[in-house]
């Protein structure tokens, strides 16, 4: 794991306006860094600001205040090449076109980055499908012909085919059975070891975060109330809210 940060948030705030007079603070002074090869687990209750933080990390939402840097440059600048940042979401139905075969779905991001027809990128799609545990026999299947775990493997293959430097996993295993969750978590762990991407792993599942994260950030009401090495967080949490969350394990 490199010490060089892939993503940096410094004192980031996001405020949503609700009508003319009302505002909602989704992020308040959020600061963290994620290095290459590192996973930061982001935990907290629903409505704590986790998803907004993920959107800021992906460059999908501009912060109201503070700065976001990717590879040392302003997020969205020249160094943010297409495909360098990817996401794996809770429900792969959101990212898989029901009319595209598995091979075409996986090839689609690479075609968007490098150009050319989907068939041009089929060899790369088959290679990454094999790496995520789906043999060539799955290439012509449609999403509805796959199990939930298989669809999530396809979603991971789609994210990895562009060789990203950073991936946001937003509740990526929460919709899966426990046994399938373990398979996907093992896969992500192995792929990160091989490819060295930084990751933000957003989840309400503290057991899943414990398996993957190098460090853990606890979010409450838009602010990070604790940021610690994973071992220290799970053995000696400092904040009362962290201890409250860990009581659910």
C-alpha atoms as a PDB file:
ATOM      1  CA  UNK A   1       0.000   0.000   0.000  1.00  0.00           C
ATOM      2  CA  UNK A   2       1.425   3.368  -1.064  1.00  0.00           C
ATOM      3  CA  UNK A   3       1.466   6.436   1.173  1.00  0.00           C
ATOM      4  CA  UNK A   4       0.751   8.655  -1.820  1.00  0.00           C
ATOM      5  CA  UNK A   5      -2.884   9.817  -1.642  1.00  0.00           C
ATOM      6  CA  UNK A   6      -5.167   8.996  -4.533  1.00  0.00           C
ATOM      7  CA  UNK A   7      -8.053  11.052  -3.150  1.00  0.00           C
ATOM      8  CA  UNK A   8      -8.012  13.895  -0.621  1.00  0.00           C
ATOM      9  CA  UNK A   9     -10.958  15.746   0.897  1.00  0.00           C
ATOM     10  CA  UNK A  10     -10.106  18.833   2.952  1.00  0.00           C
ATOM     11  CA  UNK A  11     -12.775  20.504   5.107  1.00  0.00           C
ATOM     12  CA  UNK A  12     -15.497  19.605   2.601  1.00  0.00           C
ATOM     13  CA  UNK A  13     -19.032  20.818   3.177  1.00  0.00           C
ATOM     14  CA  UNK A  14     -22.181  20.182   1.165  1.00  0.00           C
ATOM     15  CA  UNK A  15     -25.362  22.133   1.841  1.00  0.00           C
ATOM     16  CA  UNK A  16     -28.654  21.414   0.099  1.00  0.00           C
ATOM     17  CA  UNK A  17     -31.281  24.105  -0.195  1.00  0.00           C
ATOM     18  CA  UNK A  18     -34.854  23.129   0.592  1.00  0.00           C
ATOM     19  CA  UNK A  19     -37.102  25.947  -0.513  1.00  0.00           C
ATOM     20  CA  UNK A  20     -36.106  29.568  -0.082  1.00  0.00           C
ATOM     21  CA  UNK A  21     -35.201  29.599   3.578  1.00  0.00           C
ATOM     22  CA  UNK A  22     -34.344  26.068   4.607  1.00  0.00           C
ATOM     23  CA  UNK A  23     -31.025  24.283   4.157  1.00  0.00           C
ATOM     24  CA  UNK A  24     -29.805  20.794   4.972  1.00  0.00           C
ATOM     25  CA  UNK A  25     -26.146  20.151   5.755  1.00  0.00           C
ATOM     26  CA  UNK A  26     -25.155  16.803   4.218  1.00  0.00           C
ATOM     27  CA  UNK A  27     -21.399  17.159   4.825  1.00  0.00           C
ATOM     28  CA  UNK A  28     -19.740  19.371   7.405  1.00  0.00           C
ATOM     29  CA  UNK A  29     -15.945  19.836   7.441  1.00  0.00           C
ATOM     30  CA  UNK A  30     -15.170  16.343   6.120  1.00  0.00           C
ATOM     31  CA  UNK A  31     -11.445  15.635   5.802  1.00  0.00           C
ATOM     32  CA  UNK A  32      -9.721  12.392   4.877  1.00  0.00           C
ATOM     33  CA  UNK A  33      -7.116  10.918   2.526  1.00  0.00           C
ATOM     34  CA  UNK A  34      -7.119   7.559   0.757  1.00  0.00           C
ATOM     35  CA  UNK A  35      -3.825   6.107  -0.480  1.00  0.00           C
ATOM     36  CA  UNK A  36      -3.246   3.793  -3.421  1.00  0.00           C
ATOM     37  CA  UNK A  37      -4.018   0.247  -2.320  1.00  0.00           C
ATOM     38  CA  UNK A  38      -5.931   1.426   0.748  1.00  0.00           C
ATOM     39  CA  UNK A  39      -9.588   0.969   1.637  1.00  0.00           C
ATOM     40  CA  UNK A  40     -11.292   3.515   3.865  1.00  0.00           C
ATOM     41  CA  UNK A  41     -14.503   2.178   5.359  1.00  0.00           C
ATOM     42  CA  UNK A  42     -17.213   4.810   5.812  1.00  0.00           C
ATOM     43  CA  UNK A  43     -19.902   3.861   8.319  1.00  0.00           C
ATOM     44  CA  UNK A  44     -22.884   5.526   9.942  1.00  0.00           C
ATOM     45  CA  UNK A  45     -26.643   5.396  10.106  1.00  0.00           C
ATOM     46  CA  UNK A  46     -28.936   6.212   7.180  1.00  0.00           C
ATOM     47  CA  UNK A  47     -28.983   9.949   6.551  1.00  0.00           C
ATOM     48  CA  UNK A  48     -25.542  10.510   8.062  1.00  0.00           C
ATOM     49  CA  UNK A  49     -24.072  11.789   4.781  1.00  0.00           C
ATOM     50  CA  UNK A  50     -22.307   8.663   3.514  1.00  0.00           C
ATOM     51  CA  UNK A  51     -23.894   8.641   0.062  1.00  0.00           C
ATOM     52  CA  UNK A  52     -23.257  12.355  -0.457  1.00  0.00           C
ATOM     53  CA  UNK A  53     -19.614  11.766   0.489  1.00  0.00           C
ATOM     54  CA  UNK A  54     -19.459   9.020  -2.116  1.00  0.00           C
ATOM     55  CA  UNK A  55     -20.921  11.339  -4.748  1.00  0.00           C
ATOM     56  CA  UNK A  56     -18.311  13.994  -3.927  1.00  0.00           C
ATOM     57  CA  UNK A  57     -15.541  11.379  -4.112  1.00  0.00           C
ATOM     58  CA  UNK A  58     -16.798  10.300  -7.537  1.00  0.00           C
ATOM     59  CA  UNK A  59     -16.936  13.881  -8.767  1.00  0.00           C
ATOM     60  CA  UNK A  60     -20.707  13.702  -9.223  1.00  0.00           C
ATOM     61  CA  UNK A  61     -21.380  16.503  -6.739  1.00  0.00           C
ATOM     62  CA  UNK A  62     -19.423  19.686  -6.184  1.00  0.00           C
ATOM     63  CA  UNK A  63     -18.832  20.624  -2.573  1.00  0.00           C
ATOM     64  CA  UNK A  64     -20.259  23.851  -1.209  1.00  0.00           C
ATOM     65  CA  UNK A  65     -16.970  24.457   0.597  1.00  0.00           C
ATOM     66  CA  UNK A  66     -13.560  22.857   0.972  1.00  0.00           C
ATOM     67  CA  UNK A  67     -11.395  21.134  -1.629  1.00  0.00           C
ATOM     68  CA  UNK A  68     -11.245  17.728  -3.297  1.00  0.00           C
ATOM     69  CA  UNK A  69      -8.058  16.522  -4.995  1.00  0.00           C
ATOM     70  CA  UNK A  70      -7.477  13.435  -7.118  1.00  0.00           C
ATOM     71  CA  UNK A  71      -3.873  12.337  -7.711  1.00  0.00           C
ATOM     72  CA  UNK A  72      -2.720  15.656  -6.293  1.00  0.00           C
ATOM     73  CA  UNK A  73      -4.738  17.842  -8.679  1.00  0.00           C
ATOM     74  CA  UNK A  74      -8.211  19.406  -8.392  1.00  0.00           C
ATOM     75  CA  UNK A  75     -10.857  16.730  -8.808  1.00  0.00           C
ATOM     76  CA  UNK A  76     -12.213  16.800 -12.344  1.00  0.00           C
ATOM     77  CA  UNK A  77      -9.067  18.458 -13.712  1.00  0.00           C
ATOM     78  CA  UNK A  78      -6.763  17.217 -16.439  1.00  0.00           C
ATOM     79  CA  UNK A  79      -5.374  14.354 -14.360  1.00  0.00           C
ATOM     80  CA  UNK A  80      -8.823  12.864 -13.851  1.00  0.00           C
ATOM     81  CA  UNK A  81      -8.715  10.746 -16.987  1.00  0.00           C
ATOM     82  CA  UNK A  82     -11.824   8.962 -18.163  1.00  0.00           C
ATOM     83  CA  UNK A  83     -12.235   5.651 -16.372  1.00  0.00           C
ATOM     84  CA  UNK A  84      -9.788   6.516 -13.572  1.00  0.00           C
ATOM     85  CA  UNK A  85     -12.622   6.614 -11.030  1.00  0.00           C
ATOM     86  CA  UNK A  86     -15.334   3.976 -10.922  1.00  0.00           C
ATOM     87  CA  UNK A  87     -18.209   2.858  -8.722  1.00  0.00           C
ATOM     88  CA  UNK A  88     -19.835  -0.400  -7.658  1.00  0.00           C
ATOM     89  CA  UNK A  89     -23.333   0.203  -6.349  1.00  0.00           C
ATOM     90  CA  UNK A  90     -25.722  -1.697  -4.105  1.00  0.00           C
ATOM     91  CA  UNK A  91     -27.943  -2.953  -6.894  1.00  0.00           C
ATOM     92  CA  UNK A  92     -26.182  -3.950 -10.149  1.00  0.00           C
ATOM     93  CA  UNK A  93     -29.503  -3.532 -11.966  1.00  0.00           C
ATOM     94  CA  UNK A  94     -28.745   0.197 -11.830  1.00  0.00           C
ATOM     95  CA  UNK A  95     -25.541  -0.232 -13.843  1.00  0.00           C
ATOM     96  CA  UNK A  96     -26.419  -3.134 -16.162  1.00  0.00           C
ATOM     97  CA  UNK A  97     -28.422  -2.543 -19.313  1.00  0.00           C
ATOM     98  CA  UNK A  98     -31.033  -5.348 -19.392  1.00  0.00           C
ATOM     99  CA  UNK A  99     -30.722  -5.539 -23.185  1.00  0.00           C
ATOM    100  CA  UNK A 100     -26.945  -5.978 -23.307  1.00  0.00           C
ATOM    101  CA  UNK A 101     -25.191  -9.302 -22.902  1.00  0.00           C
ATOM    102  CA  UNK A 102     -22.730  -9.693 -20.045  1.00  0.00           C
ATOM    103  CA  UNK A 103     -19.734  -9.305 -22.375  1.00  0.00           C
ATOM    104  CA  UNK A 104     -21.123  -6.141 -23.947  1.00  0.00           C
ATOM    105  CA  UNK A 105     -22.007  -4.667 -20.534  1.00  0.00           C
ATOM    106  CA  UNK A 106     -18.445  -5.199 -19.328  1.00  0.00           C
ATOM    107  CA  UNK A 107     -16.924  -3.858 -22.572  1.00  0.00           C
ATOM    108  CA  UNK A 108     -19.102  -0.733 -22.559  1.00  0.00           C
ATOM    109  CA  UNK A 109     -16.979   1.423 -20.169  1.00  0.00           C
ATOM    110  CA  UNK A 110     -13.793   0.600 -22.083  1.00  0.00           C
ATOM    111  CA  UNK A 111     -15.463   1.494 -25.385  1.00  0.00           C
ATOM    112  CA  UNK A 112     -16.536   4.817 -23.865  1.00  0.00           C
ATOM    113  CA  UNK A 113     -12.927   5.553 -22.839  1.00  0.00           C
ATOM    114  CA  UNK A 114     -10.996   4.218 -25.821  1.00  0.00           C
ATOM    115  CA  UNK A 115     -13.601   4.351 -28.579  1.00  0.00           C
ATOM    116  CA  UNK A 116     -14.479   1.602 -31.021  1.00  0.00           C
ATOM    117  CA  UNK A 117     -17.306  -0.888 -31.103  1.00  0.00           C
ATOM    118  CA  UNK A 118     -18.151  -3.150 -28.193  1.00  0.00           C
ATOM    119  CA  UNK A 119     -16.959  -6.205 -30.104  1.00  0.00           C
ATOM    120  CA  UNK A 120     -13.499  -4.626 -30.362  1.00  0.00           C
ATOM    121  CA  UNK A 121     -13.154  -4.814 -26.595  1.00  0.00           C
ATOM    122  CA  UNK A 122     -14.607  -8.291 -26.191  1.00  0.00           C
ATOM    123  CA  UNK A 123     -11.214  -9.986 -25.501  1.00  0.00           C
ATOM    124  CA  UNK A 124     -10.561  -7.575 -22.614  1.00  0.00           C
ATOM    125  CA  UNK A 125     -14.098  -8.169 -21.330  1.00  0.00           C
ATOM    126  CA  UNK A 126     -13.617 -11.943 -21.361  1.00  0.00           C
ATOM    127  CA  UNK A 127     -10.308 -11.640 -19.501  1.00  0.00           C
ATOM    128  CA  UNK A 128     -11.730  -9.524 -16.694  1.00  0.00           C
ATOM    129  CA  UNK A 129     -14.856 -11.706 -16.491  1.00  0.00           C
ATOM    130  CA  UNK A 130     -12.638 -14.721 -15.977  1.00  0.00           C
ATOM    131  CA  UNK A 131     -10.742 -12.847 -13.255  1.00  0.00           C
ATOM    132  CA  UNK A 132     -13.938 -12.118 -11.311  1.00  0.00           C
ATOM    133  CA  UNK A 133     -14.954 -15.774 -11.515  1.00  0.00           C
ATOM    134  CA  UNK A 134     -17.289 -15.817 -14.512  1.00  0.00           C
ATOM    135  CA  UNK A 135     -16.180 -18.139 -17.358  1.00  0.00           C
ATOM    136  CA  UNK A 136     -16.700 -17.430 -21.060  1.00  0.00           C
ATOM    137  CA  UNK A 137     -19.994 -19.338 -21.004  1.00  0.00           C
ATOM    138  CA  UNK A 138     -21.544 -16.328 -19.207  1.00  0.00           C
ATOM    139  CA  UNK A 139     -20.579 -13.874 -21.961  1.00  0.00           C
ATOM    140  CA  UNK A 140     -23.832 -14.121 -23.941  1.00  0.00           C
ATOM    141  CA  UNK A 141     -26.180 -14.177 -20.977  1.00  0.00           C
ATOM    142  CA  UNK A 142     -28.449 -11.275 -20.088  1.00  0.00           C
ATOM    143  CA  UNK A 143     -28.591  -9.748 -16.596  1.00  0.00           C
ATOM    144  CA  UNK A 144     -31.921 -11.382 -15.726  1.00  0.00           C
ATOM    145  CA  UNK A 145     -30.328 -14.798 -16.275  1.00  0.00           C
ATOM    146  CA  UNK A 146     -27.797 -14.225 -13.478  1.00  0.00           C
ATOM    147  CA  UNK A 147     -27.992 -14.542  -9.708  1.00  0.00           C
ATOM    148  CA  UNK A 148     -27.462 -11.501  -7.505  1.00  0.00           C
ATOM    149  CA  UNK A 149     -23.873 -12.478  -6.774  1.00  0.00           C
ATOM    150  CA  UNK A 150     -23.132 -13.062 -10.458  1.00  0.00           C
ATOM    151  CA  UNK A 151     -24.568  -9.673 -11.372  1.00  0.00           C
ATOM    152  CA  UNK A 152     -22.355  -8.030  -8.763  1.00  0.00           C
ATOM    153  CA  UNK A 153     -19.330  -9.795 -10.244  1.00  0.00           C
ATOM    154  CA  UNK A 154     -20.279  -8.319 -13.618  1.00  0.00           C
ATOM    155  CA  UNK A 155     -20.568  -4.870 -12.017  1.00  0.00           C
ATOM    156  CA  UNK A 156     -17.088  -5.280 -10.509  1.00  0.00           C
ATOM    157  CA  UNK A 157     -15.716  -6.377 -13.879  1.00  0.00           C
ATOM    158  CA  UNK A 158     -17.242  -3.256 -15.475  1.00  0.00           C
ATOM    159  CA  UNK A 159     -15.538  -1.097 -12.877  1.00  0.00           C
ATOM    160  CA  UNK A 160     -12.140  -2.757 -13.278  1.00  0.00           C
ATOM    161  CA  UNK A 161     -11.909  -2.952 -17.070  1.00  0.00           C
ATOM    162  CA  UNK A 162     -10.720   0.663 -17.353  1.00  0.00           C
ATOM    163  CA  UNK A 163      -7.925   0.065 -14.774  1.00  0.00           C
ATOM    164  CA  UNK A 164      -9.194   2.696 -12.311  1.00  0.00           C
ATOM    165  CA  UNK A 165      -7.042   4.319  -9.657  1.00  0.00           C
ATOM    166  CA  UNK A 166      -9.984   4.692  -7.279  1.00  0.00           C
ATOM    167  CA  UNK A 167     -13.304   2.882  -6.736  1.00  0.00           C
ATOM    168  CA  UNK A 168     -16.305   3.770  -4.573  1.00  0.00           C
ATOM    169  CA  UNK A 169     -18.185   0.736  -3.273  1.00  0.00           C
ATOM    170  CA  UNK A 170     -21.560   2.024  -2.065  1.00  0.00           C
ATOM    171  CA  UNK A 171     -23.356  -0.716  -0.071  1.00  0.00           C
ATOM    172  CA  UNK A 172     -21.933  -3.134  -2.645  1.00  0.00           C
ATOM    173  CA  UNK A 173     -22.720  -6.323  -0.701  1.00  0.00           C
ATOM    174  CA  UNK A 174     -25.756  -5.329   1.354  1.00  0.00           C
ATOM    175  CA  UNK A 175     -28.280  -6.855  -1.068  1.00  0.00           C
ATOM    176  CA  UNK A 176     -26.532 -10.250  -1.155  1.00  0.00           C
ATOM    177  CA  UNK A 177     -26.867 -13.376   0.959  1.00  0.00           C
ATOM    178  CA  UNK A 178     -24.247 -13.737   3.683  1.00  0.00           C
ATOM    179  CA  UNK A 179     -22.395 -16.562   1.916  1.00  0.00           C
ATOM    180  CA  UNK A 180     -22.294 -14.593  -1.337  1.00  0.00           C
ATOM    181  CA  UNK A 181     -21.174 -11.475   0.545  1.00  0.00           C
ATOM    182  CA  UNK A 182     -18.103 -13.352   1.747  1.00  0.00           C
ATOM    183  CA  UNK A 183     -17.239 -14.400  -1.814  1.00  0.00           C
ATOM    184  CA  UNK A 184     -17.528 -10.840  -3.124  1.00  0.00           C
ATOM    185  CA  UNK A 185     -15.514  -9.385  -0.226  1.00  0.00           C
ATOM    186  CA  UNK A 186     -12.749 -11.944  -0.838  1.00  0.00           C
ATOM    187  CA  UNK A 187     -12.786 -11.052  -4.528  1.00  0.00           C
ATOM    188  CA  UNK A 188     -12.497  -7.301  -3.867  1.00  0.00           C
ATOM    189  CA  UNK A 189      -9.678  -7.912  -1.378  1.00  0.00           C
ATOM    190  CA  UNK A 190      -7.712  -9.986  -3.896  1.00  0.00           C
ATOM    191  CA  UNK A 191      -8.308  -7.580  -6.777  1.00  0.00           C
ATOM    192  CA  UNK A 192      -7.134  -4.610  -4.747  1.00  0.00           C
ATOM    193  CA  UNK A 193      -3.970  -6.499  -3.782  1.00  0.00           C
ATOM    194  CA  UNK A 194      -3.310  -7.173  -7.473  1.00  0.00           C
ATOM    195  CA  UNK A 195      -4.242  -3.816  -8.981  1.00  0.00           C
ATOM    196  CA  UNK A 196      -3.523  -1.369  -6.165  1.00  0.00           C
ATOM    197  CA  UNK A 197      -6.587   0.854  -6.515  1.00  0.00           C
ATOM    198  CA  UNK A 198      -7.679   3.032  -3.608  1.00  0.00           C
ATOM    199  CA  UNK A 199     -11.220   2.450  -2.373  1.00  0.00           C
ATOM    200  CA  UNK A 200     -13.972   4.072  -0.354  1.00  0.00           C
ATOM    201  CA  UNK A 201     -16.161   1.299   1.049  1.00  0.00           C
ATOM    202  CA  UNK A 202     -19.476   2.758   2.192  1.00  0.00           C
ATOM    203  CA  UNK A 203     -21.587   0.415   4.292  1.00  0.00           C
ATOM    204  CA  UNK A 204     -23.819   0.066   7.309  1.00  0.00           C
ATOM    205  CA  UNK A 205     -22.450  -3.481   7.706  1.00  0.00           C
ATOM    206  CA  UNK A 206     -19.620  -3.175  10.216  1.00  0.00           C
ATOM    207  CA  UNK A 207     -18.643  -6.825   9.762  1.00  0.00           C
ATOM    208  CA  UNK A 208     -18.051  -6.304   6.023  1.00  0.00           C
ATOM    209  CA  UNK A 209     -16.101  -3.122   6.712  1.00  0.00           C
ATOM    210  CA  UNK A 210     -13.995  -4.952   9.296  1.00  0.00           C
ATOM    211  CA  UNK A 211     -12.907  -7.466   6.666  1.00  0.00           C
ATOM    212  CA  UNK A 212     -11.902  -4.963   3.974  1.00  0.00           C
ATOM    213  CA  UNK A 213     -10.985  -1.625   5.523  1.00  0.00           C
ATOM    214  CA  UNK A 214      -7.531  -0.496   6.524  1.00  0.00           C
ATOM    215  CA  UNK A 215      -9.037   2.523   8.283  1.00  0.00           C
ATOM    216  CA  UNK A 216     -12.583   3.391   9.347  1.00  0.00           C
ATOM    217  CA  UNK A 217     -14.347   6.764   9.304  1.00  0.00           C
ATOM    218  CA  UNK A 218     -17.528   7.134  11.358  1.00  0.00           C
ATOM    219  CA  UNK A 219     -20.028   9.674  10.054  1.00  0.00           C
ATOM    220  CA  UNK A 220     -22.831  11.292  11.999  1.00  0.00           C
ATOM    221  CA  UNK A 221     -25.023  14.214  10.911  1.00  0.00           C
ATOM    222  CA  UNK A 222     -22.676  15.051   8.045  1.00  0.00           C
ATOM    223  CA  UNK A 223     -19.470  15.113  10.112  1.00  0.00           C
ATOM    224  CA  UNK A 224     -16.767  12.523  10.714  1.00  0.00           C
ATOM    225  CA  UNK A 225     -16.693  11.920  14.459  1.00  0.00           C
ATOM    226  CA  UNK A 226     -13.946   9.297  14.432  1.00  0.00           C
ATOM    227  CA  UNK A 227     -11.245   8.293  11.944  1.00  0.00           C
ATOM    228  CA  UNK A 228      -9.003   5.455  13.048  1.00  0.00           C
ATOM    229  CA  UNK A 229      -6.939   2.461  12.055  1.00  0.00           C
ATOM    230  CA  UNK A 230      -9.357  -0.451  11.621  1.00  0.00           C
ATOM    231  CA  UNK A 231      -7.828  -2.577  14.375  1.00  0.00           C
ATOM    232  CA  UNK A 232      -7.957   0.274  16.879  1.00  0.00           C
ATOM    233  CA  UNK A 233     -11.499   1.188  15.880  1.00  0.00           C
ATOM    234  CA  UNK A 234     -12.824  -2.319  16.416  1.00  0.00           C
ATOM    235  CA  UNK A 235     -10.917  -2.909  19.677  1.00  0.00           C
ATOM    236  CA  UNK A 236     -10.901   0.504  21.384  1.00  0.00           C
ATOM    237  CA  UNK A 237     -13.339   2.924  19.717  1.00  0.00           C
ATOM    238  CA  UNK A 238     -12.982   6.448  21.072  1.00  0.00           C
ATOM    239  CA  UNK A 239     -16.292   8.134  20.301  1.00  0.00           C
ATOM    240  CA  UNK A 240     -19.536   7.176  22.112  1.00  0.00           C
ATOM    241  CA  UNK A 241     -21.352   6.964  18.763  1.00  0.00           C
ATOM    242  CA  UNK A 242     -18.730   4.528  17.481  1.00  0.00           C
ATOM    243  CA  UNK A 243     -19.238   2.354  20.538  1.00  0.00           C
ATOM    244  CA  UNK A 244     -22.989   2.508  19.977  1.00  0.00           C
ATOM    245  CA  UNK A 245     -22.582   1.305  16.375  1.00  0.00           C
ATOM    246  CA  UNK A 246     -20.265  -1.513  17.393  1.00  0.00           C
ATOM    247  CA  UNK A 247     -22.822  -2.804  19.876  1.00  0.00           C
ATOM    248  CA  UNK A 248     -24.820  -4.026  16.872  1.00  0.00           C
ATOM    249  CA  UNK A 249     -22.049  -6.470  15.848  1.00  0.00           C
END
